[in-house]
Amino acid sequence: MPRPSLSKNASQRRGKTLAKKTVSKAASTVKAVQNTVKQVKDAAQYSEMSGLNPLGVESVQDELPEFQPADYRVKDPLNPPDSLPQVSLGEFIKASRIYEGATRAVQLTGKAFDLTRERLLVEGKKAKTFGAGVQAATAYEKVKSDLTDYQIQLQNNQQKNIELGTAKLRTSTAQSIADQTEKELSEKLAQAKAGAELAQLQTQEKQTKLAEFKLLLTPQV
């Protein structure tokens, strides 16, 4: 079986590559169209939800009054054709009044929208100002909390200082009492020693007198 030539294989590879690129491009195009359709649907849905009338270039024509320029074409200015659209003076005055009234109504509606826009802007500023006030109040409360913590800590320190002073006073008093007690005990000990020595001397004196008295009672030989 003959082997395919190199040029034929290259042609096949180029054909496959081109086919893949074509399919990929077509898929990208389909995806882009789908995204566009989705965006249009989303925009229409948003417009319906927000109460706004969707307006695009393709729908501008529908908003315009009917007007056929050819109906008002005049070739001879001094001999206008009877086919020109016409209205009577009364119809003109009546229609003009209607248009003027409608124009005033639309203008008033526009002023209402202008007022509403300004009101909403002020509402936005009011909300921002309120938010700034809330932030300021929050900062104030934080500082107030810090000040309260400081005052509590200050009171705790003062109480501890009072307890420390009381403890020092108790220690000093106990030391003073101990010193006085020691002096008192020393004095009592000294008194006891003196009393013992005095008692001993009195005992010796009495013993001496007793011995002398016994000698006097003893008969002389």
Protein backbone atom coordinates (compact mmCIF):
# COMPACT_ATOMS: atom_id res chain seq x y z
CA MET A 1 0.00 0.00 0.00
CA PRO A 2 1.61 3.34 -1.00
CA ARG A 3 2.43 5.83 1.81
CA PRO A 4 0.85 9.31 1.63
CA SER A 5 3.14 12.10 0.53
CA LEU A 6 4.47 14.74 2.93
CA SER A 7 2.66 17.54 1.09
CA LYS A 8 -0.63 15.71 1.45
CA ASN A 9 -0.10 15.27 5.20
CA ALA A 10 0.77 18.95 5.56
CA SER A 11 -2.39 19.90 3.68
CA GLN A 12 -4.47 17.72 5.95
CA ARG A 13 -2.90 19.27 9.06
CA ARG A 14 -3.55 22.78 7.74
CA GLY A 15 -7.13 21.80 6.96
CA LYS A 16 -7.68 20.45 10.48
CA THR A 17 -6.11 23.56 12.02
CA LEU A 18 -8.27 25.84 9.89
CA ALA A 19 -11.36 23.83 10.78
CA LYS A 20 -10.56 24.13 14.52
CA LYS A 21 -10.05 27.88 14.20
CA THR A 22 -13.32 28.22 12.29
CA VAL A 23 -15.23 26.22 14.90
CA SER A 24 -13.60 28.19 17.73
CA LYS A 25 -14.42 31.52 16.06
CA ALA A 26 -17.99 30.42 15.45
CA ALA A 27 -18.32 29.35 19.08
CA SER A 28 -16.94 32.73 20.22
CA THR A 29 -19.41 34.52 17.95
CA VAL A 30 -22.32 32.47 19.30
CA LYS A 31 -21.20 33.17 22.87
CA ALA A 32 -20.92 36.90 22.15
CA VAL A 33 -24.40 36.93 20.64
CA GLN A 34 -25.76 35.07 23.66
CA ASN A 35 -24.11 37.56 26.00
CA THR A 36 -25.55 40.45 24.01
CA VAL A 37 -29.03 38.92 24.10
CA LYS A 38 -28.65 38.34 27.84
CA GLN A 39 -27.54 41.94 28.40
CA VAL A 40 -30.51 43.22 26.39
CA LYS A 41 -32.89 41.02 28.36
CA ASP A 42 -31.32 42.08 31.66
CA ALA A 43 -31.52 45.75 30.66
CA ALA A 44 -35.16 45.36 29.66
CA GLN A 45 -35.94 43.52 32.89
CA TYR A 46 -34.13 46.19 34.93
CA SER A 47 -36.00 48.92 33.10
CA GLU A 48 -39.31 47.23 33.84
CA MET A 49 -38.37 46.77 37.50
CA SER A 50 -37.18 50.37 37.90
CA GLY A 51 -40.16 51.84 36.04
CA LEU A 52 -37.94 53.26 33.29
CA ASN A 53 -38.94 53.04 29.65
CA PRO A 54 -36.23 51.28 27.62
CA LEU A 55 -34.97 53.61 24.90
CA GLY A 56 -32.61 52.64 22.13
CA VAL A 57 -31.65 53.94 18.73
CA GLU A 58 -34.03 51.50 17.09
CA SER A 59 -36.95 52.73 19.22
CA VAL A 60 -36.35 56.47 18.74
CA GLN A 61 -38.37 56.41 15.49
CA ASP A 62 -41.38 55.08 17.38
CA GLU A 63 -41.24 58.08 19.69
CA LEU A 64 -41.45 60.62 16.85
CA PRO A 65 -44.78 61.97 15.59
CA GLU A 66 -45.89 60.86 12.17
CA PHE A 67 -44.52 63.17 9.53
CA GLN A 68 -44.33 62.75 5.77
CA PRO A 69 -42.16 65.46 4.21
CA ALA A 70 -43.41 64.57 0.75
CA ASP A 71 -46.95 65.66 1.74
CA TYR A 72 -45.65 69.21 2.21
CA ARG A 73 -43.60 69.39 -1.01
CA VAL A 74 -44.36 72.46 -3.07
CA LYS A 75 -43.01 73.02 -6.57
CA ASP A 76 -44.71 76.32 -7.34
CA PRO A 77 -44.80 78.59 -4.29
CA LEU A 78 -47.40 80.81 -5.89
CA ASN A 79 -49.71 77.90 -6.67
CA PRO A 80 -49.74 75.55 -3.69
CA PRO A 81 -51.53 72.25 -4.36
CA ASP A 82 -54.84 71.49 -2.68
CA SER A 83 -53.38 68.21 -1.45
CA LEU A 84 -51.35 69.97 1.23
CA PRO A 85 -52.46 68.96 4.73
CA GLN A 86 -54.61 71.75 6.15
CA VAL A 87 -56.45 72.70 9.34
CA SER A 88 -58.95 75.42 9.95
CA LEU A 89 -58.18 78.45 12.08
CA GLY A 90 -60.39 77.09 14.86
CA GLU A 91 -58.70 73.71 14.68
CA PHE A 92 -55.31 75.42 14.72
CA ILE A 93 -56.22 77.51 17.78
CA LYS A 94 -57.68 74.48 19.54
CA ALA A 95 -54.72 72.23 18.72
CA SER A 96 -52.27 75.01 19.62
CA ARG A 97 -53.94 75.39 23.00
CA ILE A 98 -53.74 71.63 23.52
CA TYR A 99 -50.06 71.56 22.55
CA GLU A 100 -49.30 74.58 24.70
CA GLY A 101 -51.13 73.03 27.65
CA ALA A 102 -49.39 69.70 27.10
CA THR A 103 -46.05 71.51 26.83
CA ARG A 104 -46.70 73.27 30.11
CA ALA A 105 -47.72 69.97 31.68
CA VAL A 106 -44.56 68.25 30.45
CA GLN A 107 -42.45 71.18 31.63
CA LEU A 108 -44.07 71.02 35.06
CA THR A 109 -43.45 67.29 35.13
CA GLY A 110 -39.82 68.00 34.25
CA LYS A 111 -39.64 70.51 37.10
CA ALA A 112 -41.06 67.83 39.39
CA PHE A 113 -38.28 65.51 38.26
CA ASP A 114 -35.75 68.32 38.79
CA LEU A 115 -37.10 68.86 42.28
CA THR A 116 -37.05 65.12 42.94
CA ARG A 117 -33.45 64.89 41.72
CA GLU A 118 -32.39 67.71 44.01
CA ARG A 119 -34.35 66.17 46.88
CA LEU A 120 -32.63 62.84 46.34
CA LEU A 121 -29.25 64.58 46.23
CA VAL A 122 -30.07 66.27 49.52
CA GLU A 123 -31.28 62.94 50.91
CA GLY A 124 -27.93 61.44 49.91
CA LYS A 125 -26.08 64.29 51.62
CA LYS A 126 -28.30 63.86 54.65
CA ALA A 127 -27.47 60.15 54.75
CA LYS A 128 -23.74 60.89 54.43
CA THR A 129 -23.98 63.52 57.15
CA PHE A 130 -25.89 61.10 59.37
CA GLY A 131 -23.22 58.49 58.71
CA ALA A 132 -20.53 60.99 59.68
CA GLY A 133 -22.49 61.74 62.83
CA VAL A 134 -22.73 58.04 63.63
CA GLN A 135 -18.98 57.69 63.16
CA ALA A 136 -18.36 60.71 65.37
CA ALA A 137 -20.75 59.35 68.02
CA THR A 138 -18.99 55.98 67.85
CA ALA A 139 -15.60 57.66 68.29
CA TYR A 140 -17.02 59.68 71.21
CA GLU A 141 -18.36 56.55 72.88
CA LYS A 142 -14.99 54.84 72.44
CA VAL A 143 -13.23 57.79 74.07
CA LYS A 144 -15.90 57.86 76.77
CA SER A 145 -15.30 54.15 77.39
CA ASP A 146 -11.55 54.76 77.57
CA LEU A 147 -12.14 57.62 80.02
CA THR A 148 -14.37 55.38 82.14
CA ASP A 149 -11.68 52.68 82.15
CA TYR A 150 -9.15 55.32 83.19
CA GLN A 151 -11.35 56.54 86.03
CA ILE A 152 -11.94 52.97 87.20
CA GLN A 153 -8.21 52.28 87.13
CA LEU A 154 -7.59 55.56 88.96
CA GLN A 155 -10.06 54.59 91.68
CA ASN A 156 -8.50 51.13 91.95
CA ASN A 157 -5.06 52.71 92.35
CA GLN A 158 -6.37 55.10 94.99
CA GLN A 159 -7.99 52.22 96.87
CA LYS A 160 -4.74 50.26 96.69
CA ASN A 161 -2.84 53.30 97.94
CA ILE A 162 -5.29 53.59 100.86
CA GLU A 163 -4.86 49.88 101.61
CA LEU A 164 -1.09 50.31 101.41
CA GLY A 165 -1.19 53.25 103.81
CA THR A 166 -3.43 51.31 106.19
CA ALA A 167 -1.11 48.30 106.02
CA LYS A 168 1.90 50.54 106.71
CA LEU A 169 0.05 52.10 109.66
CA ARG A 170 -0.82 48.65 111.04
CA THR A 171 2.79 47.60 110.67
CA SER A 172 4.05 50.77 112.36
CA THR A 173 1.50 50.42 115.18
CA ALA A 174 2.36 46.77 115.70
CA GLN A 175 6.06 47.67 115.78
CA SER A 176 5.42 50.45 118.31
CA ILE A 177 3.33 48.10 120.46
CA ALA A 178 6.05 45.47 120.27
CA ASP A 179 8.70 48.02 121.31
CA GLN A 180 6.59 49.26 124.25
CA THR A 181 5.77 45.73 125.28
CA GLU A 182 9.45 44.83 125.19
CA LYS A 183 10.27 47.86 127.37
CA GLU A 184 7.44 46.98 129.76
CA LEU A 185 8.63 43.39 130.04
CA SER A 186 12.19 44.60 130.56
CA GLU A 187 11.04 46.88 133.36
CA LYS A 188 8.99 44.13 134.94
CA LEU A 189 12.00 41.81 134.73
CA ALA A 190 14.20 44.44 136.33
CA GLN A 191 11.59 44.98 139.06
CA ALA A 192 11.38 41.27 139.61
CA LYS A 193 15.15 41.01 139.94
CA ALA A 194 15.23 43.95 142.33
CA GLY A 195 12.42 42.43 144.36
CA ALA A 196 14.23 39.12 144.48
CA GLU A 197 17.46 40.78 145.67
CA LEU A 198 15.53 42.78 148.28
CA ALA A 199 13.79 39.67 149.49
CA GLN A 200 17.12 37.89 149.68
CA LEU A 201 18.63 40.72 151.73
CA GLN A 202 15.63 40.77 154.03
CA THR A 203 15.92 37.04 154.46
CA GLN A 204 19.62 37.34 155.32
CA GLU A 205 18.88 40.15 157.78
CA LYS A 206 16.18 38.15 159.48
CA GLN A 207 18.41 35.11 159.64
CA THR A 208 21.14 37.21 161.27
CA LYS A 209 18.71 38.61 163.82
CA LEU A 210 17.43 35.10 164.49
CA ALA A 211 20.96 33.87 165.07
CA GLU A 212 21.67 36.75 167.48
CA PHE A 213 18.43 36.09 169.30
CA LYS A 214 19.32 32.44 169.68
CA LEU A 215 22.68 33.44 171.14
CA LEU A 216 20.96 35.56 173.74
CA LEU A 217 18.79 32.64 174.76
CA THR A 218 21.68 30.29 175.05
CA PRO A 219 22.87 30.10 178.82
CA GLN A 220 26.40 31.19 179.54
CA VAL A 221 28.71 28.56 181.02
